[in-house]
Amino acid sequence: MTDNKKALVVLSGGQDSTTCLFWAIRRFGKDGVSAIGFDYGQRHLAELSCAEEICKNAGIPFEIVKTPIINELSPNALTRADIPVDEEKPEGAPPNTFVEGRNMLFLTYAAIYAKVRGISELVTGVCETDFSGYPDCRDIFVKSLNVTLNLAMDYNFVIHTPLMWLDKKQTWALADELGVLDIIRYETLTCYNGIKGEGCGHCPSCTLRRRGYEAYMEEKNKCTK
């Protein structure tokens, strides 16, 4: 546990950010952790309800900030019901679930929120290993933004990315190690079609999540035999 430091977790209510929430609780202690979610006009606001319920059960303060400008500037399959989700990544382009600038804005808003509350540690669930073509999930982007935020606000932020180099199997393993495997499996919402828990089973997010879970459970079961 890190002494005398407080952390703000960017929490969507999905698998990755919720795993990071419990990672932060272990790292900084429950009293040192709070969470922030963003209502940007996403199709499935139920994810924020999941985040709110998870934080309530864990005893973690959670606040939702409205950021409609993201939806207005970047129409995509996660914000527009009339745009179907790509089942496969298009050749040479990000999938249509990519929201331009979302993580850049989320982390910037989170930094502003954190600084006025004396919080220096920011935690986000972005991951480069299971790269889906989202440029703002890359390690180089996070490191660059960390420097920019520090300069812009004259403040020593540290952006933590616990999942950056983990694949989905390893992310499930981390959830199990943290003692929250069932919470992640049943209480989060990762599905692009807005179905809680194990989801629709066929969108890209559900497919990645399921394959990782199956690979982890297969390995775990072999070790227990």
Protein backbone atom coordinates (compact mmCIF):
# COMPACT_ATOMS: atom_id res chain seq x y z
CA MET A 1 0.00 0.00 0.00
CA THR A 2 1.24 3.51 -0.86
CA ASP A 3 1.27 5.83 2.17
CA ASN A 4 -0.42 9.25 2.19
CA LYS A 5 -1.43 9.17 -1.48
CA LYS A 6 -4.95 9.28 -2.86
CA ALA A 7 -6.10 7.80 -6.14
CA LEU A 8 -8.92 8.59 -8.54
CA VAL A 9 -10.07 5.72 -10.75
CA VAL A 10 -11.64 6.44 -14.14
CA LEU A 11 -14.50 3.94 -13.91
CA SER A 12 -16.85 2.93 -16.71
CA GLY A 13 -18.39 -0.11 -15.04
CA GLY A 14 -16.69 -2.50 -17.45
CA GLN A 15 -14.29 -5.37 -16.83
CA ASP A 16 -11.03 -3.47 -17.16
CA SER A 17 -11.79 -0.32 -15.19
CA THR A 18 -13.52 -2.30 -12.42
CA THR A 19 -10.49 -4.57 -12.09
CA CYS A 20 -8.41 -1.40 -11.79
CA LEU A 21 -10.73 -0.11 -9.07
CA PHE A 22 -9.96 -3.10 -6.88
CA TRP A 23 -6.27 -2.91 -7.81
CA ALA A 24 -6.31 0.69 -6.55
CA ILE A 25 -8.07 -0.30 -3.32
CA ARG A 26 -5.33 -2.82 -2.65
CA ARG A 27 -2.58 -0.36 -3.61
CA PHE A 28 -3.83 2.79 -1.88
CA GLY A 29 -6.31 1.48 0.69
CA LYS A 30 -10.08 1.90 0.57
CA ASP A 31 -9.96 5.28 2.32
CA GLY A 32 -7.55 6.57 -0.31
CA VAL A 33 -9.63 5.70 -3.38
CA SER A 34 -12.49 7.44 -5.17
CA ALA A 35 -13.88 6.98 -8.66
CA ILE A 36 -15.25 9.10 -11.47
CA GLY A 37 -17.45 8.12 -14.42
CA PHE A 38 -18.46 10.05 -17.51
CA ASP A 39 -21.87 10.41 -19.11
CA TYR A 40 -20.96 11.30 -22.68
CA GLY A 41 -24.19 10.18 -24.34
CA GLN A 42 -23.20 6.54 -24.62
CA ARG A 43 -25.90 4.17 -25.83
CA HIS A 44 -25.72 2.06 -22.72
CA LEU A 45 -25.90 4.24 -19.64
CA ALA A 46 -26.46 1.02 -17.71
CA GLU A 47 -22.67 0.76 -17.49
CA LEU A 48 -22.63 3.77 -15.19
CA SER A 49 -25.35 2.16 -13.08
CA CYS A 50 -23.07 -0.87 -12.79
CA ALA A 51 -20.17 1.36 -11.76
CA GLU A 52 -22.32 3.13 -9.18
CA GLU A 53 -23.53 -0.14 -7.66
CA ILE A 54 -20.03 -1.65 -7.57
CA CYS A 55 -18.68 1.45 -5.78
CA LYS A 56 -21.60 1.48 -3.36
CA ASN A 57 -20.97 -2.15 -2.42
CA ALA A 58 -17.23 -1.52 -2.09
CA GLY A 59 -17.71 1.65 -0.03
CA ILE A 60 -15.97 3.87 -2.59
CA PRO A 61 -17.14 7.44 -3.42
CA PHE A 62 -18.28 7.70 -7.04
CA GLU A 63 -19.28 10.73 -9.05
CA ILE A 64 -20.64 10.97 -12.59
CA VAL A 65 -19.63 13.96 -14.73
CA LYS A 66 -21.60 14.87 -17.84
CA THR A 67 -19.44 15.37 -20.95
CA PRO A 68 -21.93 15.53 -23.88
CA ILE A 69 -19.43 17.34 -26.10
CA ILE A 70 -17.71 14.02 -26.80
CA ASN A 71 -20.86 12.62 -28.39
CA GLU A 72 -21.52 15.81 -30.31
CA LEU A 73 -18.04 15.87 -31.83
CA SER A 74 -17.59 12.16 -32.51
CA PRO A 75 -20.68 10.21 -33.68
CA ASN A 76 -19.91 6.49 -33.48
CA ALA A 77 -21.42 3.10 -32.72
CA LEU A 78 -21.14 3.59 -28.95
CA THR A 79 -23.12 6.83 -29.00
CA ARG A 80 -25.51 6.36 -31.92
CA ALA A 81 -28.20 3.69 -31.95
CA ASP A 82 -28.46 3.98 -35.74
CA ILE A 83 -24.81 2.93 -36.27
CA PRO A 84 -24.38 -0.85 -35.94
CA VAL A 85 -21.31 -2.13 -34.10
CA ASP A 86 -18.60 -3.52 -36.38
CA GLU A 87 -18.32 -7.26 -35.72
CA GLU A 88 -14.77 -7.19 -37.11
CA LYS A 89 -12.11 -4.49 -37.20
CA PRO A 90 -12.02 -2.73 -40.60
CA GLU A 91 -8.80 -3.02 -42.56
CA GLY A 92 -6.52 -0.04 -41.98
CA ALA A 93 -8.86 1.86 -39.66
CA PRO A 94 -10.07 1.78 -36.06
CA PRO A 95 -13.40 0.00 -35.43
CA ASN A 96 -16.48 2.20 -35.39
CA THR A 97 -16.65 1.82 -31.60
CA PHE A 98 -13.65 4.16 -31.33
CA VAL A 99 -14.68 7.47 -29.78
CA GLU A 100 -12.23 10.12 -30.98
CA GLY A 101 -10.25 11.65 -28.11
CA ARG A 102 -12.30 9.95 -25.39
CA ASN A 103 -9.46 8.75 -23.17
CA MET A 104 -7.57 12.00 -23.65
CA LEU A 105 -10.59 13.97 -22.47
CA PHE A 106 -11.50 11.55 -19.69
CA LEU A 107 -8.01 11.70 -18.21
CA THR A 108 -7.90 15.48 -18.59
CA TYR A 109 -11.26 15.91 -16.87
CA ALA A 110 -10.18 13.42 -14.19
CA ALA A 111 -6.95 15.37 -13.62
CA ILE A 112 -8.85 18.64 -13.14
CA TYR A 113 -11.25 16.93 -10.74
CA ALA A 114 -8.36 15.29 -8.89
CA LYS A 115 -6.16 18.35 -8.49
CA VAL A 116 -8.78 20.47 -6.75
CA ARG A 117 -9.26 17.58 -4.29
CA GLY A 118 -5.58 17.05 -3.62
CA ILE A 119 -5.41 13.75 -5.51
CA SER A 120 -2.25 13.00 -7.49
CA GLU A 121 -2.71 9.38 -8.58
CA LEU A 122 -4.95 8.65 -11.59
CA VAL A 123 -5.86 5.07 -12.49
CA THR A 124 -7.18 3.97 -15.88
CA GLY A 125 -7.89 0.57 -17.43
CA VAL A 126 -6.44 1.21 -20.89
CA CYS A 127 -4.52 -1.69 -22.37
CA GLU A 128 -2.17 -1.98 -25.32
CA THR A 129 -1.74 -5.78 -25.25
CA ASP A 130 -5.30 -6.50 -26.40
CA PHE A 131 -5.04 -3.61 -28.84
CA SER A 132 -8.31 -2.98 -30.68
CA GLY A 133 -6.98 -0.22 -32.88
CA TYR A 134 -7.68 2.54 -30.34
CA PRO A 135 -4.69 4.92 -30.47
CA ASP A 136 -5.56 6.44 -27.08
CA CYS A 137 -5.03 3.09 -25.33
CA ARG A 138 -1.30 3.04 -26.13
CA ASP A 139 1.37 3.35 -23.47
CA ILE A 140 3.14 6.12 -25.41
CA PHE A 141 -0.07 8.19 -25.40
CA VAL A 142 -0.58 7.80 -21.64
CA LYS A 143 3.04 8.74 -20.88
CA SER A 144 2.80 11.75 -23.18
CA LEU A 145 -0.46 12.95 -21.63
CA ASN A 146 0.96 12.46 -18.14
CA VAL A 147 3.77 14.90 -18.98
CA THR A 148 1.33 17.33 -20.60
CA LEU A 149 -1.05 17.33 -17.62
CA ASN A 150 1.81 17.90 -15.21
CA LEU A 151 3.00 20.87 -17.25
CA ALA A 152 -0.47 22.27 -17.88
CA MET A 153 -1.47 22.23 -14.21
CA ASP A 154 1.94 22.48 -12.56
CA TYR A 155 1.12 19.37 -10.56
CA ASN A 156 2.77 15.99 -10.14
CA PHE A 157 0.18 13.54 -11.44
CA VAL A 158 1.03 9.88 -11.86
CA ILE A 159 -1.18 7.94 -14.29
CA HIS A 160 -1.31 4.25 -13.39
CA THR A 161 -2.19 1.68 -16.06
CA PRO A 162 -2.26 -1.70 -14.25
CA LEU A 163 -3.52 -3.56 -17.32
CA MET A 164 -1.33 -1.97 -19.99
CA TRP A 165 0.73 -5.09 -20.69
CA LEU A 166 -1.82 -7.75 -19.65
CA ASP A 167 -3.90 -9.77 -22.09
CA LYS A 168 -7.48 -10.68 -21.16
CA LYS A 169 -6.45 -14.00 -19.64
CA GLN A 170 -4.03 -12.18 -17.36
CA THR A 171 -6.67 -9.57 -16.53
CA TRP A 172 -9.00 -12.33 -15.35
CA ALA A 173 -6.12 -13.77 -13.34
CA LEU A 174 -5.59 -10.40 -11.66
CA ALA A 175 -9.29 -10.17 -10.80
CA ASP A 176 -9.09 -13.61 -9.23
CA GLU A 177 -5.97 -12.66 -7.28
CA LEU A 178 -7.80 -9.58 -6.00
CA GLY A 179 -10.71 -11.78 -4.91
CA VAL A 180 -13.26 -10.15 -7.22
CA LEU A 181 -13.59 -12.66 -10.07
CA ASP A 182 -17.35 -13.07 -9.62
CA ILE A 183 -17.89 -9.31 -9.32
CA ILE A 184 -16.09 -8.79 -12.62
CA ARG A 185 -17.87 -11.68 -14.29
CA TYR A 186 -21.43 -10.89 -13.23
CA GLU A 187 -21.65 -7.25 -12.17
CA THR A 188 -19.73 -5.38 -14.89
CA LEU A 189 -20.94 -4.30 -18.32
CA THR A 190 -18.44 -4.61 -21.16
CA CYS A 191 -20.78 -5.64 -23.97
CA TYR A 192 -21.14 -3.23 -26.89
CA ASN A 193 -24.80 -4.26 -27.06
CA GLY A 194 -25.43 -3.23 -23.47
CA ILE A 195 -25.93 -6.63 -21.81
CA LYS A 196 -24.59 -6.92 -18.28
CA GLY A 197 -22.35 -9.77 -17.13
CA GLU A 198 -21.37 -12.23 -19.84
CA GLY A 199 -22.99 -10.01 -22.46
CA CYS A 200 -24.31 -10.82 -25.91
CA GLY A 201 -21.45 -13.23 -26.61
CA HIS A 202 -20.71 -12.11 -30.16
CA CYS A 203 -19.70 -8.44 -30.25
CA PRO A 204 -15.92 -7.83 -30.34
CA SER A 205 -15.80 -6.87 -26.65
CA CYS A 206 -17.71 -9.97 -25.53
CA THR A 207 -15.62 -12.23 -27.74
CA LEU A 208 -12.36 -10.90 -26.32
CA ARG A 209 -13.67 -11.11 -22.77
CA ARG A 210 -15.00 -14.67 -23.16
CA ARG A 211 -11.84 -16.00 -24.79
CA GLY A 212 -9.74 -14.54 -22.01
CA TYR A 213 -11.97 -16.03 -19.32
CA GLU A 214 -11.99 -19.46 -20.93
CA ALA A 215 -8.20 -19.43 -21.33
CA TYR A 216 -7.72 -18.41 -17.71
CA MET A 217 -10.15 -21.00 -16.33
CA GLU A 218 -8.56 -23.74 -18.45
CA GLU A 219 -5.15 -22.86 -17.05
CA LYS A 220 -6.47 -22.56 -13.51
CA ASN A 221 -8.23 -25.92 -13.67
CA LYS A 222 -5.08 -27.61 -14.92
CA CYS A 223 -3.14 -26.21 -11.97
CA THR A 224 -5.70 -27.49 -9.45
CA LYS A 225 -5.77 -31.07 -10.78
